[in-house]
Amino acid sequence: MTGAEDTIDHEAFEAQCRAGIESWVAEHLGGEVVAMERLERWRPQWKVSYTSGGETGAVLVRGNRPIAPVDALRFEMACMQILERNGILVPHIHGWMDEPVAFVMDWVETEDRAPGMLHTAMDTPSEMDPERWQATLGYMTHLAAVHAVPVSEFADVKQLANPPSEPRDIALHAVDRMYAMGEMAGNIDPSLSFLQMWLRRNAPTDRHDVRFLCGDAGQFMSRGIDVVALLDFEIANVGDTHWDLACFRGRHPYENMGDIPALYREYERVTGTPIDRRVVGYYTVAFLQLAVIGATFFMMPEIRGGNWIEGMLEKASITRRAYEAIAELHGLDLDHDLTLPDPTPDSLEASGLRKLIADIGRLPTSSAFAEWERDLLGAIPDFLLNYTRYRSWFETVSRTDIEAFLGESFDDLAAADAALQVRIDTDDPADDDELVRLMHRRMLRLSMITAGTNPDETNPFFYVLEPVIDREPGE
């Protein structure tokens, strides 16, 4: 790939963004910028403090993901404006900005909020203190209010203008769209292909109610026990409310959501509507699969920004948890008692990767290349160093699993995967249980390589998806 992305002066680009923000604040808020901080996220965002008429204020400049079209950012802004008009507690939107491409909303001052990334959760597990728990319970009332906003309010938003009406379409329209995007990008592998087959075959057939959905529910700011703002509507949608309820399972415990069944009971109390736990289980698979396909776009190497290592972490762990969600619905026991072998001796490529790790750690930081960005960059060769030490084992045991399932031998893992994909394409429900076990083992092994350790119940990266379906004794 050649072009402007290859030759961009990142210091100049950052300076251009900051100049554009200063100009916008002066023109639209009548203010003078006094401080600006680019936040640790996988999209460009700045906290901007300013003074105007002797008063101080702050806004969040929310930029576009480098992998997403500008329409996606306009979509999120439009959804938030409609929600605000309907009394939902979202930050006030001040307007659109062309340089940099962004929209501007009120800054919500509250306790520090984790960046919401897996590599952060692994190092600093998310905690739930008593006040945050009370706020999380209170959030269920706000979520119910979001779901009560009439879908007709969003009729002028192109992406939401024609909501699905048939149960199968309600269940599948979000995942089908994301899956098609993954196919076009060449990001679909057998693990994601099977999930899509399973979702299509098991879509609920008796659910007709369509509501506006957060899409990635559970994200909010709190102060003490009070919810002060609902956030992150970039994958908002219309569909079954059980999608949003499934998000809590998907996010937890990387972001500690507390007692998930208690949250569901509170939602039932507020709405007066019972929750079908098996439908939550179905949408858990759907939400996690969509999240993994989205993560594969973070790994596109040619895109400026992005977050390759976060994408790798999500691919390994979230795919694994999607299979755990299916296992709960099928009543399957999965094997979590796997161990890494002794690593192979370091090779020439391992030496080169160690050199990369050392030199990346020495790179100077700046406003255009922050310390957290340097850490993310250094995590890539760190992962690859682990992968070189265990690659032969991983490919051998993965191939052996496929050979045992298909009853034939293959020269390498690529050939085995190709044959496995052919079998998955037959879409035979009789294969489901063994495929779930096979894929789960593979993703657990990949998680072990990524973390460089055997499964560890104290490490959030290895937490097993918490069950939500009540089972009878003996089941």
Protein backbone atom coordinates (compact mmCIF):
# COMPACT_ATOMS: atom_id res chain seq x y z
CA MET A 1 0.00 0.00 0.00
CA THR A 2 1.33 3.41 -0.93
CA GLY A 3 0.06 6.94 -0.63
CA ALA A 4 -0.45 9.67 1.96
CA GLU A 5 -0.86 7.20 4.82
CA ASP A 6 2.74 6.04 4.28
CA THR A 7 4.32 9.48 4.37
CA ILE A 8 2.13 11.34 6.86
CA ASP A 9 3.93 13.52 9.39
CA HIS A 10 2.14 12.39 12.54
CA GLU A 11 3.30 15.38 14.59
CA ALA A 12 1.97 17.72 11.91
CA PHE A 13 -1.26 15.73 11.69
CA GLU A 14 -1.82 15.96 15.45
CA ALA A 15 -1.03 19.67 15.37
CA GLN A 16 -3.55 20.12 12.55
CA CYS A 17 -6.21 18.31 14.58
CA ARG A 18 -5.54 20.48 17.60
CA ALA A 19 -5.65 23.66 15.55
CA GLY A 20 -9.00 22.59 14.10
CA ILE A 21 -10.38 21.90 17.57
CA GLU A 22 -9.19 25.28 18.88
CA SER A 23 -10.82 27.04 15.91
CA TRP A 24 -14.11 25.17 16.39
CA VAL A 25 -14.27 25.94 20.11
CA ALA A 26 -13.65 29.61 19.40
CA GLU A 27 -16.34 29.78 16.69
CA HIS A 28 -19.06 27.62 18.22
CA LEU A 29 -18.51 27.94 21.97
CA GLY A 30 -16.92 31.38 22.08
CA GLY A 31 -14.11 29.88 24.08
CA GLU A 32 -10.34 29.76 24.28
CA VAL A 33 -8.78 26.32 24.70
CA VAL A 34 -6.60 26.08 27.80
CA ALA A 35 -5.87 22.33 27.82
CA MET A 36 -6.25 19.39 25.46
CA GLU A 37 -5.63 15.70 26.12
CA ARG A 38 -5.89 12.85 23.61
CA LEU A 39 -7.50 9.93 25.41
CA GLU A 40 -6.45 6.30 25.50
CA ARG A 41 -8.98 4.78 23.16
CA TRP A 42 -8.89 2.93 19.84
CA ARG A 43 -10.41 5.96 18.18
CA PRO A 44 -9.20 9.59 18.26
CA GLN A 45 -10.79 11.46 21.17
CA TRP A 46 -9.75 14.57 23.01
CA LYS A 47 -10.80 16.09 26.32
CA VAL A 48 -10.79 19.83 25.66
CA SER A 49 -10.92 22.40 28.47
CA TYR A 50 -11.72 26.02 27.61
CA THR A 51 -12.70 29.37 29.09
CA SER A 52 -15.52 31.57 27.82
CA GLY A 53 -16.76 34.80 29.37
CA GLY A 54 -14.86 34.11 32.54
CA GLU A 55 -16.40 30.65 32.90
CA THR A 56 -14.64 27.33 32.42
CA GLY A 57 -16.00 24.35 30.52
CA ALA A 58 -14.95 21.08 28.96
CA VAL A 59 -16.08 19.05 25.98
CA LEU A 60 -15.26 15.69 24.48
CA VAL A 61 -14.27 15.71 20.83
CA ARG A 62 -15.24 12.24 19.59
CA GLY A 63 -13.43 11.35 16.38
CA ASN A 64 -14.07 8.64 13.86
CA ARG A 65 -12.58 5.16 14.00
CA PRO A 66 -9.95 4.86 11.26
CA ILE A 67 -11.71 1.71 9.99
CA ALA A 68 -15.19 3.24 9.83
CA PRO A 69 -16.90 5.50 7.27
CA VAL A 70 -17.80 9.04 8.33
CA ASP A 71 -21.48 8.08 8.14
CA ALA A 72 -20.95 5.82 11.17
CA LEU A 73 -19.95 8.81 13.28
CA ARG A 74 -22.86 10.91 11.99
CA PHE A 75 -25.14 7.98 12.85
CA GLU A 76 -23.97 7.91 16.46
CA MET A 77 -24.40 11.68 16.81
CA ALA A 78 -27.93 11.53 15.36
CA CYS A 79 -28.94 8.73 17.74
CA MET A 80 -27.68 10.66 20.75
CA GLN A 81 -29.51 13.82 19.68
CA ILE A 82 -32.78 11.89 19.32
CA LEU A 83 -32.27 10.21 22.69
CA GLU A 84 -31.61 13.56 24.35
CA ARG A 85 -34.83 14.98 22.85
CA ASN A 86 -36.65 12.04 24.39
CA GLY A 87 -35.32 12.67 27.88
CA ILE A 88 -32.51 10.09 27.89
CA LEU A 89 -29.51 11.04 30.01
CA VAL A 90 -26.85 11.42 27.32
CA PRO A 91 -24.23 14.18 27.11
CA HIS A 92 -25.47 17.22 25.20
CA ILE A 93 -24.23 17.35 21.60
CA HIS A 94 -22.81 20.72 20.57
CA GLY A 95 -22.32 19.93 16.90
CA TRP A 96 -20.26 18.50 14.08
CA MET A 97 -16.61 19.24 13.31
CA ASP A 98 -14.92 18.78 9.93
CA GLU A 99 -11.28 19.18 11.01
CA PRO A 100 -10.71 16.73 12.56
CA VAL A 101 -13.78 14.71 11.60
CA ALA A 102 -15.64 14.49 14.91
CA PHE A 103 -18.66 15.56 16.90
CA VAL A 104 -18.51 17.52 20.12
CA MET A 105 -20.37 16.67 23.32
CA ASP A 106 -20.29 17.80 26.92
CA TRP A 107 -17.48 16.36 28.99
CA VAL A 108 -18.88 14.36 31.91
CA GLU A 109 -16.71 14.84 34.98
CA THR A 110 -16.68 11.72 37.10
CA GLU A 111 -14.32 9.13 38.52
CA ASP A 112 -11.69 7.69 36.20
CA ARG A 113 -13.20 5.35 33.64
CA ALA A 114 -11.08 2.48 32.35
CA PRO A 115 -10.37 2.58 28.62
CA GLY A 116 -12.45 -0.58 28.23
CA MET A 117 -9.74 -2.63 26.56
CA LEU A 118 -8.73 -6.21 27.30
CA HIS A 119 -5.02 -5.54 27.66
CA THR A 120 -5.91 -3.04 30.40
CA ALA A 121 -8.31 -5.43 32.14
CA MET A 122 -5.64 -8.16 32.18
CA ASP A 123 -3.17 -5.91 33.98
CA THR A 124 -5.69 -4.04 36.15
CA PRO A 125 -8.87 -6.07 36.67
CA SER A 126 -12.04 -4.00 36.79
CA GLU A 127 -13.59 -3.76 40.24
CA MET A 128 -17.14 -3.15 41.41
CA ASP A 129 -17.40 -1.05 44.56
CA PRO A 130 -20.73 -0.69 46.43
CA GLU A 131 -21.53 2.73 44.95
CA ARG A 132 -20.85 1.63 41.37
CA TRP A 133 -23.04 -1.41 41.96
CA GLN A 134 -25.94 0.78 43.09
CA ALA A 135 -25.41 2.94 40.01
CA THR A 136 -25.39 -0.18 37.82
CA LEU A 137 -28.71 -1.28 39.29
CA GLY A 138 -30.01 2.23 38.63
CA TYR A 139 -28.78 2.02 35.04
CA MET A 140 -31.42 -0.64 34.36
CA THR A 141 -34.10 2.03 34.76
CA HIS A 142 -32.27 4.18 32.19
CA LEU A 143 -31.91 1.21 29.86
CA ALA A 144 -35.65 0.55 30.11
CA ALA A 145 -36.25 4.21 29.22
CA VAL A 146 -34.03 3.85 26.14
CA HIS A 147 -36.03 0.80 25.07
CA ALA A 148 -39.25 2.78 25.56
CA VAL A 149 -38.28 5.49 23.04
CA PRO A 150 -40.53 4.82 20.01
CA VAL A 151 -38.67 3.35 17.05
CA SER A 152 -40.55 5.87 14.89
CA GLU A 153 -38.44 8.63 16.46
CA PHE A 154 -35.49 7.29 14.43
CA ALA A 155 -37.33 7.21 11.09
CA ASP A 156 -35.05 9.90 9.64
CA VAL A 157 -31.89 7.97 10.52
CA LYS A 158 -31.06 6.05 7.35
CA GLN A 159 -29.69 2.96 9.06
CA LEU A 160 -32.80 2.62 11.26
CA ALA A 161 -35.48 3.77 8.82
CA ASN A 162 -36.76 0.30 7.86
CA PRO A 163 -36.81 -1.83 11.03
CA PRO A 164 -37.23 -5.59 10.63
CA SER A 165 -40.61 -7.09 11.52
CA GLU A 166 -40.30 -10.87 11.15
CA PRO A 167 -38.72 -12.75 14.10
CA ARG A 168 -35.90 -14.24 12.02
CA ASP A 169 -35.00 -10.85 10.53
CA ILE A 170 -35.15 -9.22 13.96
CA ALA A 171 -32.68 -11.78 15.29
CA LEU A 172 -30.25 -11.77 12.37
CA HIS A 173 -30.14 -8.40 10.66
CA ALA A 174 -27.27 -6.99 12.77
CA VAL A 175 -25.10 -10.12 12.67
CA ASP A 176 -25.81 -10.80 8.99
CA ARG A 177 -24.66 -7.28 8.12
CA MET A 178 -21.47 -7.56 10.18
CA TYR A 179 -20.76 -11.04 8.86
CA ALA A 180 -21.06 -9.78 5.27
CA MET A 181 -18.57 -7.02 6.07
CA GLY A 182 -16.20 -9.61 7.53
CA GLU A 183 -16.51 -11.74 4.40
CA MET A 184 -15.74 -8.79 2.13
CA ALA A 185 -12.62 -8.05 4.19
CA GLY A 186 -11.51 -11.71 4.17
CA ASN A 187 -11.73 -11.89 7.97
CA ILE A 188 -13.98 -14.95 8.35
CA ASP A 189 -12.44 -18.22 9.52
CA PRO A 190 -14.08 -21.57 10.44
CA SER A 191 -14.69 -20.48 14.05
CA LEU A 192 -16.74 -17.47 12.93
CA SER A 193 -18.38 -19.37 10.08
CA PHE A 194 -19.78 -22.00 12.43
CA LEU A 195 -21.11 -19.33 14.79
CA GLN A 196 -22.98 -17.73 11.89
CA MET A 197 -24.46 -21.07 10.81
CA TRP A 198 -25.57 -21.72 14.39
CA LEU A 199 -27.12 -18.26 14.77
CA ARG A 200 -29.12 -18.61 11.57
CA ARG A 201 -30.37 -22.06 12.48
CA ASN A 202 -31.29 -21.18 16.07
CA ALA A 203 -32.85 -17.73 15.60
CA PRO A 204 -35.90 -17.24 17.88
CA THR A 205 -39.13 -17.64 15.94
CA ASP A 206 -41.68 -16.16 18.34
CA ARG A 207 -40.36 -12.69 19.16
CA HIS A 208 -41.93 -9.77 17.27
CA ASP A 209 -41.31 -6.73 19.50
CA VAL A 210 -38.79 -4.29 17.99
CA ARG A 211 -37.17 -1.58 20.12
CA PHE A 212 -34.32 0.89 19.82
CA LEU A 213 -31.17 -0.75 21.24
CA CYS A 214 -27.96 0.70 22.65
CA GLY A 215 -26.14 -2.06 20.77
CA ASP A 216 -23.33 -2.19 23.33
CA ALA A 217 -25.36 -1.67 26.49
CA GLY A 218 -23.91 -1.24 29.95
CA GLN A 219 -21.67 1.74 29.19
CA PHE A 220 -22.38 4.70 31.42
CA MET A 221 -20.73 7.22 33.70
CA SER A 222 -21.60 7.43 37.38
CA ARG A 223 -20.92 9.72 40.28
CA GLY A 224 -21.40 8.00 43.60
CA ILE A 225 -24.58 5.96 43.27
CA ASP A 226 -26.00 8.15 40.50
CA VAL A 227 -25.91 7.51 36.76
CA VAL A 228 -24.84 10.79 35.14
CA ALA A 229 -24.56 9.85 31.45
CA LEU A 230 -25.18 7.00 29.02
CA LEU A 231 -22.44 6.55 26.42
CA ASP A 232 -21.32 4.78 23.25
CA PHE A 233 -24.11 4.34 20.73
CA GLU A 234 -21.93 3.67 17.70
CA ILE A 235 -23.49 0.24 17.11
CA ALA A 236 -26.99 1.25 18.20
CA ASN A 237 -29.69 -0.67 16.39
CA VAL A 238 -33.29 -1.78 16.46
CA GLY A 239 -34.27 -5.27 17.51
CA ASP A 240 -34.98 -7.50 20.51
CA THR A 241 -34.24 -5.95 23.92
CA HIS A 242 -32.56 -9.23 24.86
CA TRP A 243 -29.61 -8.15 22.68
CA ASP A 244 -28.87 -5.29 25.08
CA LEU A 245 -29.37 -7.57 28.08
CA ALA A 246 -26.85 -10.00 26.60
CA CYS A 247 -24.26 -7.21 26.41
CA PHE A 248 -23.81 -7.32 30.18
CA ARG A 249 -22.68 -10.95 29.96
CA GLY A 250 -20.41 -10.13 27.04
CA ARG A 251 -18.70 -7.21 28.77
CA HIS A 252 -18.36 -8.89 32.16
CA PRO A 253 -15.87 -9.41 33.77
CA TYR A 254 -13.51 -7.46 31.49
CA GLU A 255 -15.62 -4.58 32.67
CA ASN A 256 -17.06 -5.75 35.97
CA MET A 257 -20.86 -5.54 35.72
CA GLY A 258 -21.57 -7.14 39.10
CA ASP A 259 -24.35 -9.69 39.66
CA ILE A 260 -25.80 -10.23 36.17
CA PRO A 261 -28.92 -12.20 37.28
CA ALA A 262 -29.66 -9.42 39.80
CA LEU A 263 -29.49 -6.86 36.98
CA TYR A 264 -31.96 -8.92 34.98
CA ARG A 265 -34.32 -9.11 37.94
CA GLU A 266 -34.14 -5.34 38.28
CA TYR A 267 -34.93 -4.86 34.59
CA GLU A 268 -37.93 -7.17 34.99
CA ARG A 269 -39.08 -5.16 38.01
CA VAL A 270 -38.76 -1.83 36.19
CA THR A 271 -40.41 -2.95 32.97
CA GLY A 272 -42.86 -5.50 34.30
CA THR A 273 -41.72 -7.78 31.48
CA PRO A 274 -40.14 -11.19 32.10
CA ILE A 275 -36.77 -11.99 30.54
CA ASP A 276 -36.33 -15.24 28.63
CA ARG A 277 -32.89 -16.45 29.75
CA ARG A 278 -32.47 -18.78 26.78
CA VAL A 279 -33.09 -15.87 24.42
CA VAL A 280 -30.45 -13.93 26.35
CA GLY A 281 -28.17 -16.91 25.73
CA TYR A 282 -28.84 -16.75 22.01
CA TYR A 283 -28.11 -13.03 21.84
CA THR A 284 -24.97 -13.53 23.91
CA VAL A 285 -23.62 -15.61 21.02
CA ALA A 286 -24.81 -12.98 18.52
CA PHE A 287 -23.29 -10.03 20.41
CA LEU A 288 -19.96 -11.77 20.97
CA GLN A 289 -19.70 -12.91 17.35
CA LEU A 290 -20.39 -9.38 16.13
CA ALA A 291 -17.76 -8.06 18.56
CA VAL A 292 -15.12 -10.50 17.30
CA ILE A 293 -15.74 -9.65 13.65
CA GLY A 294 -15.46 -5.98 14.56
CA ALA A 295 -12.18 -6.71 16.36
CA THR A 296 -10.71 -8.24 13.20
CA PHE A 297 -10.95 -4.81 11.60
CA PHE A 298 -8.81 -3.37 14.41
CA MET A 299 -6.04 -5.67 13.17
CA MET A 300 -5.88 -4.31 9.61
CA PRO A 301 -2.21 -3.31 9.37
CA GLU A 302 -2.55 -0.61 6.71
CA ILE A 303 -4.99 1.51 8.70
CA ARG A 304 -3.62 4.47 10.63
CA GLY A 305 -4.36 3.95 14.30
CA GLY A 306 -6.46 0.93 15.09
CA ASN A 307 -5.31 -1.51 17.76
CA TRP A 308 -3.83 -4.77 16.48
CA ILE A 309 -3.07 -6.31 19.85
CA GLU A 310 -6.54 -5.53 21.24
CA GLY A 311 -8.03 -7.21 18.18
CA MET A 312 -5.90 -10.29 18.82
CA LEU A 313 -6.91 -10.45 22.47
CA GLU A 314 -10.59 -10.15 21.57
CA LYS A 315 -10.38 -12.73 18.80
CA ALA A 316 -8.93 -15.30 21.19
CA SER A 317 -11.01 -14.65 24.28
CA ILE A 318 -14.36 -13.40 22.98
CA THR A 319 -14.65 -16.16 20.37
CA ARG A 320 -13.98 -18.64 23.17
CA ARG A 321 -16.75 -17.10 25.27
CA ALA A 322 -19.21 -17.26 22.36
CA TYR A 323 -18.66 -21.01 22.31
CA GLU A 324 -19.18 -21.13 26.07
CA ALA A 325 -22.55 -19.43 25.53
CA ILE A 326 -23.58 -22.14 23.05
CA ALA A 327 -22.32 -24.84 25.42
CA GLU A 328 -24.61 -23.50 28.16
CA LEU A 329 -27.61 -23.65 25.83
CA HIS A 330 -26.69 -27.17 24.73
CA GLY A 331 -25.91 -28.38 28.26
CA LEU A 332 -22.32 -29.24 27.28
CA ASP A 333 -19.31 -29.58 29.55
CA LEU A 334 -16.16 -28.05 28.08
CA ASP A 335 -12.53 -28.86 28.79
CA HIS A 336 -10.83 -25.96 30.56
CA ASP A 337 -7.99 -28.09 31.96
CA LEU A 338 -5.45 -27.52 29.18
CA THR A 339 -1.74 -26.82 29.62
CA LEU A 340 1.01 -25.31 27.54
CA PRO A 341 3.94 -27.56 26.67
CA ASP A 342 7.53 -26.50 27.22
CA PRO A 343 8.28 -23.70 24.76
CA THR A 344 10.56 -24.39 21.84
CA PRO A 345 14.05 -22.86 22.14
CA ASP A 346 14.26 -19.29 20.93
CA SER A 347 14.95 -19.05 17.22
CA LEU A 348 16.42 -16.39 14.96
CA GLU A 349 13.01 -14.78 14.58
CA ALA A 350 12.63 -14.77 18.38
CA SER A 351 15.89 -12.85 18.62
CA GLY A 352 14.59 -10.31 16.12
CA LEU A 353 11.33 -9.93 18.01
CA ARG A 354 13.14 -9.36 21.29
CA LYS A 355 15.14 -6.63 19.53
CA LEU A 356 11.91 -5.03 18.33
CA ILE A 357 10.46 -5.13 21.86
CA ALA A 358 13.56 -3.46 23.30
CA ASP A 359 13.79 -0.75 20.65
CA ILE A 360 10.07 0.06 20.66
CA GLY A 361 10.37 0.58 24.41
CA ARG A 362 13.06 3.21 23.74
CA LEU A 363 11.04 5.21 21.21
CA PRO A 364 10.40 8.81 22.27
CA THR A 365 6.79 9.75 23.01
CA SER A 366 4.97 12.92 22.08
CA SER A 367 1.48 14.40 21.70
CA ALA A 368 1.21 12.39 18.46
CA PHE A 369 2.67 9.16 19.88
CA ALA A 370 1.69 8.76 23.51
CA GLU A 371 3.24 6.32 25.97
CA TRP A 372 0.13 4.10 25.86
CA GLU A 373 0.41 3.91 22.06
CA ARG A 374 4.04 2.84 22.38
CA ASP A 375 2.97 0.14 24.84
CA LEU A 376 0.34 -1.16 22.41
CA LEU A 377 2.88 -1.25 19.61
CA GLY A 378 5.36 -3.13 21.78
CA ALA A 379 2.71 -5.67 22.73
CA ILE A 380 2.57 -6.92 19.13
CA PRO A 381 6.10 -8.39 18.96
CA ASP A 382 5.63 -9.55 22.55
CA PHE A 383 2.64 -11.65 21.44
CA LEU A 384 4.47 -12.86 18.33
CA LEU A 385 7.42 -13.94 20.48
CA ASN A 386 5.06 -16.16 22.49
CA TYR A 387 3.47 -17.43 19.31
CA THR A 388 6.82 -18.50 17.81
CA ARG A 389 7.54 -20.52 20.96
CA TYR A 390 4.24 -22.44 20.79
CA ARG A 391 3.23 -22.27 17.12
CA SER A 392 4.31 -25.81 16.24
CA TRP A 393 2.36 -27.24 19.20
CA PHE A 394 -0.72 -25.11 18.48
CA GLU A 395 -0.87 -26.05 14.81
CA THR A 396 -0.25 -29.74 15.52
CA VAL A 397 -2.93 -30.15 18.20
CA SER A 398 -5.42 -28.04 16.22
CA ARG A 399 -4.84 -30.21 13.14
CA THR A 400 -5.10 -33.39 15.22
CA ASP A 401 -8.46 -32.28 16.61
CA ILE A 402 -9.79 -31.73 13.09
CA GLU A 403 -8.42 -35.06 11.90
CA ALA A 404 -10.17 -36.87 14.75
CA PHE A 405 -13.44 -35.09 13.95
CA LEU A 406 -13.32 -35.62 10.17
CA GLY A 407 -11.63 -39.03 10.20
CA GLU A 408 -8.90 -38.14 7.70
CA SER A 409 -5.31 -36.84 7.72
CA PHE A 410 -3.91 -33.55 6.47
CA ASP A 411 -0.45 -32.23 5.69
CA ASP A 412 -0.90 -28.99 7.59
CA LEU A 413 -3.41 -26.87 9.52
CA ALA A 414 -4.40 -24.83 6.46
CA ALA A 415 -5.52 -27.97 4.62
CA ALA A 416 -7.34 -29.21 7.73
CA ASP A 417 -9.14 -25.88 8.13
CA ALA A 418 -10.22 -25.94 4.47
CA ALA A 419 -11.73 -29.40 4.94
CA LEU A 420 -13.34 -28.33 8.21
CA GLN A 421 -14.96 -25.38 6.44
CA VAL A 422 -16.45 -27.73 3.86
CA ARG A 423 -17.96 -29.79 6.69
CA ILE A 424 -19.29 -26.68 8.46
CA ASP A 425 -20.96 -25.59 5.21
CA THR A 426 -23.12 -28.76 5.31
CA ASP A 427 -24.83 -27.13 8.32
CA ASP A 428 -25.61 -30.42 10.04
CA PRO A 429 -26.96 -29.93 13.60
CA ALA A 430 -25.59 -33.37 14.50
CA ASP A 431 -22.08 -31.86 14.29
CA ASP A 432 -22.81 -28.98 16.66
CA ASP A 433 -21.68 -30.38 19.99
CA GLU A 434 -18.37 -31.74 18.75
CA LEU A 435 -17.66 -28.54 16.79
CA VAL A 436 -18.35 -26.45 19.88
CA ARG A 437 -15.87 -28.52 21.89
CA LEU A 438 -13.27 -28.46 19.10
CA MET A 439 -13.49 -24.71 18.52
CA HIS A 440 -13.49 -23.94 22.23
CA ARG A 441 -10.29 -25.94 22.78
CA ARG A 442 -8.65 -24.13 19.89
CA MET A 443 -9.57 -20.69 21.16
CA LEU A 444 -8.58 -21.56 24.71
CA ARG A 445 -5.15 -22.66 23.45
CA LEU A 446 -4.83 -19.43 21.50
CA SER A 447 -5.77 -17.53 24.65
CA MET A 448 -3.09 -19.40 26.57
CA ILE A 449 -0.47 -18.45 23.98
CA THR A 450 -1.66 -14.84 24.00
CA ALA A 451 -1.42 -14.60 27.79
CA GLY A 452 1.68 -16.81 27.98
CA THR A 453 0.20 -18.93 30.74
CA ASN A 454 -2.05 -21.88 31.46
CA PRO A 455 -5.71 -21.04 32.22
CA ASP A 456 -5.72 -19.06 35.45
CA GLU A 457 -8.98 -18.45 37.29
CA THR A 458 -7.52 -15.29 38.87
CA ASN A 459 -6.86 -13.73 35.45
CA PRO A 460 -9.96 -12.02 33.94
CA PHE A 461 -8.75 -13.09 30.51
CA PHE A 462 -9.61 -16.70 31.42
CA TYR A 463 -12.86 -16.14 33.29
CA VAL A 464 -15.50 -18.55 32.05
CA LEU A 465 -18.73 -16.98 30.82
CA GLU A 466 -21.11 -16.87 33.76
CA PRO A 467 -24.28 -18.98 33.27
CA VAL A 468 -27.71 -17.36 33.34
CA ILE A 469 -29.98 -20.34 32.63
CA ASP A 470 -31.43 -22.06 35.68
CA ARG A 471 -31.08 -25.81 35.37
CA GLU A 472 -32.99 -28.54 37.14
CA PRO A 473 -30.98 -30.85 39.46
CA GLY A 474 -29.19 -33.51 37.43
CA GLU A 475 -29.15 -31.50 34.21
